[in-house]
Amino acid sequence: MKNILIFFLLIISMHFCFADSDTTSFEIKNNILFFKDPRVEVLQKMYCRKPVDPNKKIIRVQVTQAPSRDQIFEAKAQFSARYPGIETYIKYASPNFKLRVGNFETKQEAFNFMKQIKTYFPYSFVIEEKNNNKD
């Protein structure tokens, strides 16, 4: 009788565990069932970020340059409309304004992205710049 009661309690508890399966995920390793809340993974990613090395070069794609600030802001608006979510940076080096995009880890990633945008921005190229934390 005691075993039957334990069995029913186990089934009921498993039902309640799986009833909330849309917000939790589970994984089985070595016959152990792990329940994971997706919010925990977000927190882990936030707290496990590596500190920025001030000597590390940043790899970006320069989309265009123009002598007029209005032209650069127009190009920035066009780029942001086509590729939302990618960071844009405007630099000024006399006499031109430069529109640079992205923070790529490797040059290969930057070249792959440059190939995607070449049809809309034909004068784009990959560039490395120092990390001066003034972006």
N, C-alpha and C. Protein backbone atom coordinates (compact mmCIF):
# COMPACT_ATOMS: atom_id res chain seq x y z
N MET A 1 0.82 -1.19 0.00
CA MET A 1 0.00 0.00 0.00
C MET A 1 0.87 1.27 0.00
N LYS A 2 1.94 1.21 0.77
CA LYS A 2 2.85 2.34 0.86
C LYS A 2 3.51 2.61 -0.50
N ASN A 3 3.87 1.54 -1.23
CA ASN A 3 4.50 1.69 -2.54
C ASN A 3 3.53 2.29 -3.55
N ILE A 4 2.27 1.92 -3.48
CA ILE A 4 1.27 2.46 -4.41
C ILE A 4 1.08 3.96 -4.17
N LEU A 5 1.03 4.35 -2.91
CA LEU A 5 0.89 5.76 -2.57
C LEU A 5 2.09 6.57 -3.07
N ILE A 6 3.29 6.05 -2.91
CA ILE A 6 4.50 6.72 -3.39
C ILE A 6 4.47 6.84 -4.92
N PHE A 7 4.01 5.77 -5.58
CA PHE A 7 3.92 5.77 -7.03
C PHE A 7 2.97 6.86 -7.52
N PHE A 8 1.79 6.97 -6.91
CA PHE A 8 0.83 8.00 -7.31
C PHE A 8 1.35 9.41 -7.02
N LEU A 9 2.02 9.58 -5.90
CA LEU A 9 2.61 10.89 -5.60
C LEU A 9 3.69 11.26 -6.62
N LEU A 10 4.44 10.28 -7.04
CA LEU A 10 5.47 10.52 -8.05
C LEU A 10 4.85 10.92 -9.38
N ILE A 11 3.79 10.25 -9.77
CA ILE A 11 3.11 10.58 -11.03
C ILE A 11 2.50 11.97 -10.96
N ILE A 12 1.89 12.31 -9.85
CA ILE A 12 1.28 13.64 -9.71
C ILE A 12 2.36 14.73 -9.72
N SER A 13 3.47 14.49 -9.04
CA SER A 13 4.53 15.50 -9.04
C SER A 13 5.15 15.67 -10.42
N MET A 14 5.28 14.57 -11.17
CA MET A 14 5.81 14.69 -12.54
C MET A 14 4.83 15.44 -13.42
N HIS A 15 3.53 15.24 -13.19
CA HIS A 15 2.54 15.97 -13.96
C HIS A 15 2.68 17.47 -13.74
N PHE A 16 2.86 17.88 -12.49
CA PHE A 16 3.03 19.30 -12.19
C PHE A 16 4.36 19.83 -12.73
N CYS A 17 5.37 19.01 -12.76
CA CYS A 17 6.66 19.45 -13.30
C CYS A 17 6.57 19.70 -14.79
N PHE A 18 5.88 18.81 -15.51
CA PHE A 18 5.78 18.95 -16.96
C PHE A 18 4.67 19.89 -17.38
N ALA A 19 3.79 20.28 -16.46
CA ALA A 19 2.72 21.22 -16.80
C ALA A 19 3.30 22.58 -17.12
N ASP A 20 4.45 22.92 -16.57
CA ASP A 20 5.10 24.21 -16.80
C ASP A 20 6.24 24.06 -17.80
N SER A 21 6.11 23.15 -18.75
CA SER A 21 7.22 22.85 -19.66
C SER A 21 7.44 23.92 -20.71
N ASP A 22 6.48 24.86 -20.88
CA ASP A 22 6.70 25.92 -21.86
C ASP A 22 7.71 26.95 -21.37
N THR A 23 7.92 27.06 -20.05
CA THR A 23 8.89 28.01 -19.54
C THR A 23 10.18 27.34 -19.08
N THR A 24 10.18 26.04 -18.94
CA THR A 24 11.39 25.34 -18.53
C THR A 24 11.75 24.31 -19.57
N SER A 25 13.00 23.98 -19.62
CA SER A 25 13.45 22.92 -20.50
C SER A 25 14.12 21.86 -19.63
N PHE A 26 14.20 20.68 -20.16
CA PHE A 26 14.83 19.63 -19.40
C PHE A 26 15.80 18.87 -20.28
N GLU A 27 16.71 18.21 -19.63
CA GLU A 27 17.77 17.51 -20.31
C GLU A 27 18.12 16.28 -19.48
N ILE A 28 18.41 15.17 -20.16
CA ILE A 28 18.75 13.94 -19.45
C ILE A 28 20.20 13.61 -19.73
N LYS A 29 20.99 13.51 -18.66
CA LYS A 29 22.39 13.12 -18.75
C LYS A 29 22.66 12.06 -17.70
N ASN A 30 23.21 10.95 -18.13
CA ASN A 30 23.56 9.86 -17.21
C ASN A 30 22.39 9.47 -16.31
N ASN A 31 21.22 9.33 -16.92
CA ASN A 31 20.00 8.94 -16.22
C ASN A 31 19.60 9.92 -15.13
N ILE A 32 20.00 11.16 -15.25
CA ILE A 32 19.59 12.21 -14.33
C ILE A 32 18.82 13.25 -15.13
N LEU A 33 17.67 13.62 -14.64
CA LEU A 33 16.82 14.58 -15.31
C LEU A 33 17.09 15.97 -14.75
N PHE A 34 17.56 16.89 -15.62
CA PHE A 34 17.87 18.26 -15.22
C PHE A 34 16.79 19.18 -15.77
N PHE A 35 16.21 20.00 -14.91
CA PHE A 35 15.26 21.02 -15.32
C PHE A 35 15.98 22.36 -15.35
N LYS A 36 15.84 23.09 -16.48
CA LYS A 36 16.52 24.37 -16.63
C LYS A 36 15.50 25.45 -16.95
N ASP A 37 15.62 26.54 -16.25
CA ASP A 37 14.81 27.72 -16.54
C ASP A 37 15.59 28.56 -17.55
N PRO A 38 15.00 28.96 -18.68
CA PRO A 38 15.75 29.73 -19.68
C PRO A 38 16.26 31.07 -19.17
N ARG A 39 15.64 31.61 -18.14
CA ARG A 39 16.09 32.89 -17.59
C ARG A 39 17.46 32.74 -16.93
N VAL A 40 17.77 31.53 -16.45
CA VAL A 40 19.07 31.30 -15.82
C VAL A 40 20.18 31.42 -16.86
N GLU A 41 19.94 30.91 -18.06
CA GLU A 41 20.94 31.00 -19.12
C GLU A 41 21.21 32.46 -19.50
N VAL A 42 20.16 33.28 -19.52
CA VAL A 42 20.34 34.70 -19.83
C VAL A 42 21.20 35.37 -18.76
N LEU A 43 20.93 35.05 -17.50
CA LEU A 43 21.73 35.61 -16.42
C LEU A 43 23.17 35.15 -16.48
N GLN A 44 23.38 33.88 -16.84
CA GLN A 44 24.75 33.36 -16.95
C GLN A 44 25.50 34.11 -18.04
N LYS A 45 24.86 34.36 -19.15
CA LYS A 45 25.52 35.09 -20.23
C LYS A 45 25.85 36.52 -19.82
N MET A 46 24.96 37.13 -19.03
CA MET A 46 25.21 38.51 -18.60
C MET A 46 26.40 38.58 -17.65
N TYR A 47 26.50 37.65 -16.73
CA TYR A 47 27.56 37.71 -15.72
C TYR A 47 28.86 37.07 -16.16
N CYS A 48 28.85 36.33 -17.25
CA CYS A 48 30.07 35.66 -17.72
C CYS A 48 30.73 36.41 -18.86
N ARG A 49 30.35 37.65 -19.09
CA ARG A 49 30.99 38.42 -20.16
C ARG A 49 32.44 38.67 -19.82
N LYS A 50 33.25 38.58 -20.84
CA LYS A 50 34.68 38.81 -20.65
C LYS A 50 34.94 40.32 -20.60
N PRO A 51 35.88 40.74 -19.78
CA PRO A 51 36.21 42.17 -19.77
C PRO A 51 36.85 42.58 -21.09
N VAL A 52 36.61 43.81 -21.48
CA VAL A 52 37.13 44.31 -22.75
C VAL A 52 38.60 44.63 -22.60
N ASP A 53 39.41 44.06 -23.48
CA ASP A 53 40.84 44.32 -23.49
C ASP A 53 41.09 45.65 -24.21
N PRO A 54 41.69 46.63 -23.56
CA PRO A 54 41.88 47.93 -24.21
C PRO A 54 42.85 47.89 -25.38
N ASN A 55 43.69 46.86 -25.46
CA ASN A 55 44.65 46.76 -26.56
C ASN A 55 44.11 45.97 -27.74
N LYS A 56 42.93 45.39 -27.59
CA LYS A 56 42.36 44.56 -28.65
C LYS A 56 41.85 45.44 -29.79
N LYS A 57 42.10 45.01 -30.99
CA LYS A 57 41.62 45.72 -32.17
C LYS A 57 40.16 45.32 -32.42
N ILE A 58 39.38 46.30 -32.81
CA ILE A 58 37.98 46.07 -33.15
C ILE A 58 37.87 45.96 -34.66
N ILE A 59 37.17 44.95 -35.13
CA ILE A 59 37.01 44.74 -36.56
C ILE A 59 35.61 45.20 -36.94
N ARG A 60 35.55 46.12 -37.89
CA ARG A 60 34.27 46.67 -38.35
C ARG A 60 34.27 46.74 -39.86
N VAL A 61 33.10 47.03 -40.41
CA VAL A 61 32.97 47.24 -41.85
C VAL A 61 32.64 48.71 -42.06
N GLN A 62 33.46 49.38 -42.86
CA GLN A 62 33.17 50.76 -43.20
C GLN A 62 32.25 50.75 -44.40
N VAL A 63 31.07 51.28 -44.20
CA VAL A 63 30.03 51.23 -45.22
C VAL A 63 30.22 52.32 -46.25
N THR A 64 30.43 53.53 -45.79
CA THR A 64 30.58 54.65 -46.71
C THR A 64 31.29 55.80 -46.00
N GLN A 65 31.69 56.78 -46.80
CA GLN A 65 32.21 58.03 -46.25
C GLN A 65 31.71 59.16 -47.13
N ALA A 66 31.56 60.33 -46.51
CA ALA A 66 31.04 61.49 -47.24
C ALA A 66 31.50 62.75 -46.53
N PRO A 67 31.62 63.84 -47.29
CA PRO A 67 32.06 65.09 -46.67
C PRO A 67 30.93 65.77 -45.88
N SER A 68 29.71 65.38 -46.12
CA SER A 68 28.56 66.02 -45.47
C SER A 68 28.01 65.14 -44.36
N ARG A 69 27.71 65.76 -43.25
CA ARG A 69 27.13 65.03 -42.12
C ARG A 69 25.73 64.52 -42.46
N ASP A 70 24.98 65.29 -43.23
CA ASP A 70 23.63 64.88 -43.62
C ASP A 70 23.66 63.61 -44.47
N GLN A 71 24.64 63.51 -45.37
CA GLN A 71 24.75 62.31 -46.21
C GLN A 71 25.04 61.08 -45.36
N ILE A 72 25.88 61.22 -44.35
CA ILE A 72 26.21 60.09 -43.48
C ILE A 72 24.99 59.66 -42.67
N PHE A 73 24.24 60.63 -42.15
CA PHE A 73 23.05 60.27 -41.38
C PHE A 73 21.98 59.64 -42.26
N GLU A 74 21.92 60.04 -43.51
CA GLU A 74 21.00 59.40 -44.46
C GLU A 74 21.43 57.96 -44.74
N ALA A 75 22.74 57.75 -44.92
CA ALA A 75 23.25 56.39 -45.14
C ALA A 75 23.04 55.52 -43.90
N LYS A 76 23.20 56.12 -42.73
CA LYS A 76 22.96 55.39 -41.48
C LYS A 76 21.50 54.96 -41.38
N ALA A 77 20.59 55.83 -41.75
CA ALA A 77 19.17 55.49 -41.72
C ALA A 77 18.85 54.37 -42.70
N GLN A 78 19.43 54.42 -43.89
CA GLN A 78 19.23 53.35 -44.87
C GLN A 78 19.78 52.03 -44.36
N PHE A 79 20.98 52.07 -43.78
CA PHE A 79 21.59 50.85 -43.26
C PHE A 79 20.76 50.28 -42.12
N SER A 80 20.35 51.12 -41.18
CA SER A 80 19.58 50.64 -40.03
C SER A 80 18.22 50.09 -40.45
N ALA A 81 17.66 50.63 -41.52
CA ALA A 81 16.39 50.10 -42.02
C ALA A 81 16.57 48.71 -42.62
N ARG A 82 17.68 48.48 -43.31
CA ARG A 82 17.94 47.19 -43.93
C ARG A 82 18.47 46.15 -42.95
N TYR A 83 19.29 46.59 -42.00
CA TYR A 83 19.95 45.68 -41.06
C TYR A 83 19.73 46.16 -39.62
N PRO A 84 18.52 46.00 -39.11
CA PRO A 84 18.27 46.46 -37.73
C PRO A 84 19.03 45.59 -36.73
N GLY A 85 19.43 46.20 -35.65
CA GLY A 85 20.12 45.46 -34.60
C GLY A 85 21.62 45.45 -34.71
N ILE A 86 22.17 45.93 -35.81
CA ILE A 86 23.62 45.99 -35.97
C ILE A 86 24.06 47.40 -35.60
N GLU A 87 25.03 47.47 -34.72
CA GLU A 87 25.47 48.76 -34.21
C GLU A 87 26.16 49.57 -35.31
N THR A 88 25.90 50.87 -35.30
CA THR A 88 26.52 51.78 -36.27
C THR A 88 27.33 52.83 -35.52
N TYR A 89 28.42 53.24 -36.15
CA TYR A 89 29.32 54.22 -35.55
C TYR A 89 29.69 55.25 -36.61
N ILE A 90 29.65 56.51 -36.23
CA ILE A 90 30.03 57.58 -37.13
C ILE A 90 31.33 58.18 -36.61
N LYS A 91 32.33 58.22 -37.48
CA LYS A 91 33.64 58.78 -37.15
C LYS A 91 33.87 59.99 -38.03
N TYR A 92 34.60 60.94 -37.50
CA TYR A 92 34.96 62.10 -38.30
C TYR A 92 36.47 62.20 -38.37
N ALA A 93 36.99 62.17 -39.59
CA ALA A 93 38.40 62.42 -39.85
C ALA A 93 38.42 63.44 -40.98
N SER A 94 38.88 64.60 -40.68
CA SER A 94 38.81 65.71 -41.60
C SER A 94 39.30 65.32 -42.99
N PRO A 95 38.59 65.57 -44.02
CA PRO A 95 37.36 66.32 -44.19
C PRO A 95 36.11 65.42 -44.30
N ASN A 96 36.21 64.13 -43.99
CA ASN A 96 35.11 63.20 -44.24
C ASN A 96 34.52 62.61 -42.96
N PHE A 97 33.22 62.32 -43.04
CA PHE A 97 32.54 61.51 -42.05
C PHE A 97 32.54 60.08 -42.55
N LYS A 98 32.68 59.11 -41.63
CA LYS A 98 32.74 57.70 -42.01
C LYS A 98 31.70 56.93 -41.23
N LEU A 99 30.99 56.07 -41.92
CA LEU A 99 29.99 55.21 -41.28
C LEU A 99 30.56 53.80 -41.18
N ARG A 100 30.74 53.34 -39.94
CA ARG A 100 31.26 52.00 -39.70
C ARG A 100 30.24 51.22 -38.90
N VAL A 101 30.19 49.91 -39.16
CA VAL A 101 29.16 49.08 -38.52
C VAL A 101 29.76 47.82 -37.94
N GLY A 102 29.10 47.30 -36.91
CA GLY A 102 29.42 46.00 -36.35
C GLY A 102 30.59 46.00 -35.38
N ASN A 103 30.64 44.95 -34.59
CA ASN A 103 31.76 44.62 -33.71
C ASN A 103 32.04 43.14 -33.94
N PHE A 104 32.91 42.82 -34.86
CA PHE A 104 33.15 41.44 -35.25
C PHE A 104 34.33 40.86 -34.49
N GLU A 105 34.24 39.59 -34.18
CA GLU A 105 35.31 38.90 -33.46
C GLU A 105 36.47 38.57 -34.40
N THR A 106 36.15 38.15 -35.62
CA THR A 106 37.19 37.76 -36.57
C THR A 106 37.01 38.52 -37.88
N LYS A 107 38.08 38.55 -38.65
CA LYS A 107 38.00 39.19 -39.96
C LYS A 107 37.09 38.40 -40.90
N GLN A 108 37.04 37.08 -40.73
CA GLN A 108 36.20 36.26 -41.59
C GLN A 108 34.72 36.62 -41.41
N GLU A 109 34.29 36.84 -40.18
CA GLU A 109 32.91 37.26 -39.93
C GLU A 109 32.63 38.60 -40.61
N ALA A 110 33.59 39.50 -40.51
CA ALA A 110 33.42 40.82 -41.12
C ALA A 110 33.35 40.72 -42.64
N PHE A 111 34.21 39.89 -43.23
CA PHE A 111 34.18 39.71 -44.68
C PHE A 111 32.87 39.08 -45.14
N ASN A 112 32.36 38.12 -44.39
CA ASN A 112 31.08 37.50 -44.74
C ASN A 112 29.95 38.52 -44.69
N PHE A 113 29.96 39.37 -43.68
CA PHE A 113 28.93 40.40 -43.59
C PHE A 113 29.09 41.42 -44.71
N MET A 114 30.34 41.78 -45.03
CA MET A 114 30.58 42.73 -46.10
C MET A 114 30.04 42.21 -47.43
N LYS A 115 30.18 40.92 -47.67
CA LYS A 115 29.65 40.33 -48.90
C LYS A 115 28.13 40.49 -48.97
N GLN A 116 27.47 40.38 -47.81
CA GLN A 116 26.01 40.53 -47.79
C GLN A 116 25.58 41.95 -48.13
N ILE A 117 26.31 42.94 -47.69
CA ILE A 117 25.88 44.32 -47.88
C ILE A 117 26.45 44.96 -49.14
N LYS A 118 27.33 44.27 -49.86
CA LYS A 118 27.98 44.85 -51.04
C LYS A 118 26.98 45.29 -52.10
N THR A 119 25.85 44.60 -52.23
CA THR A 119 24.88 44.99 -53.26
C THR A 119 24.25 46.35 -52.96
N TYR A 120 24.05 46.66 -51.68
CA TYR A 120 23.45 47.93 -51.29
C TYR A 120 24.49 49.02 -51.02
N PHE A 121 25.65 48.61 -50.55
CA PHE A 121 26.73 49.55 -50.23
C PHE A 121 28.01 49.06 -50.91
N PRO A 122 28.19 49.39 -52.20
CA PRO A 122 29.28 48.80 -52.99
C PRO A 122 30.69 49.23 -52.57
N TYR A 123 30.82 50.34 -51.84
CA TYR A 123 32.15 50.82 -51.48
C TYR A 123 32.56 50.40 -50.07
N SER A 124 31.91 49.40 -49.52
CA SER A 124 32.22 48.98 -48.16
C SER A 124 33.49 48.13 -48.13
N PHE A 125 34.18 48.19 -46.98
CA PHE A 125 35.39 47.38 -46.79
C PHE A 125 35.59 47.13 -45.30
N VAL A 126 36.42 46.13 -44.98
CA VAL A 126 36.70 45.75 -43.60
C VAL A 126 37.86 46.59 -43.08
N ILE A 127 37.73 47.01 -41.82
CA ILE A 127 38.76 47.84 -41.21
C ILE A 127 38.94 47.45 -39.76
N GLU A 128 40.18 47.53 -39.30
CA GLU A 128 40.49 47.31 -37.87
C GLU A 128 40.76 48.67 -37.25
N GLU A 129 40.27 48.87 -36.03
CA GLU A 129 40.59 50.09 -35.33
C GLU A 129 40.84 49.80 -33.87
N LYS A 130 41.55 50.70 -33.23
CA LYS A 130 41.89 50.52 -31.82
C LYS A 130 40.65 50.66 -30.97
N ASN A 131 40.64 49.94 -29.85
CA ASN A 131 39.56 50.04 -28.89
C ASN A 131 39.88 51.19 -27.94
N ASN A 132 39.30 52.35 -28.21
CA ASN A 132 39.58 53.50 -27.35
C ASN A 132 38.41 53.84 -26.45
N ASN A 133 37.37 52.99 -26.43
CA ASN A 133 36.20 53.13 -25.55
C ASN A 133 35.51 54.48 -25.68
N LYS A 134 35.60 55.10 -26.84
CA LYS A 134 34.91 56.37 -27.08
C LYS A 134 33.82 56.21 -28.11
N ASP A 135 33.34 55.00 -28.31
CA ASP A 135 32.30 54.77 -29.30
C ASP A 135 31.03 55.28 -28.74
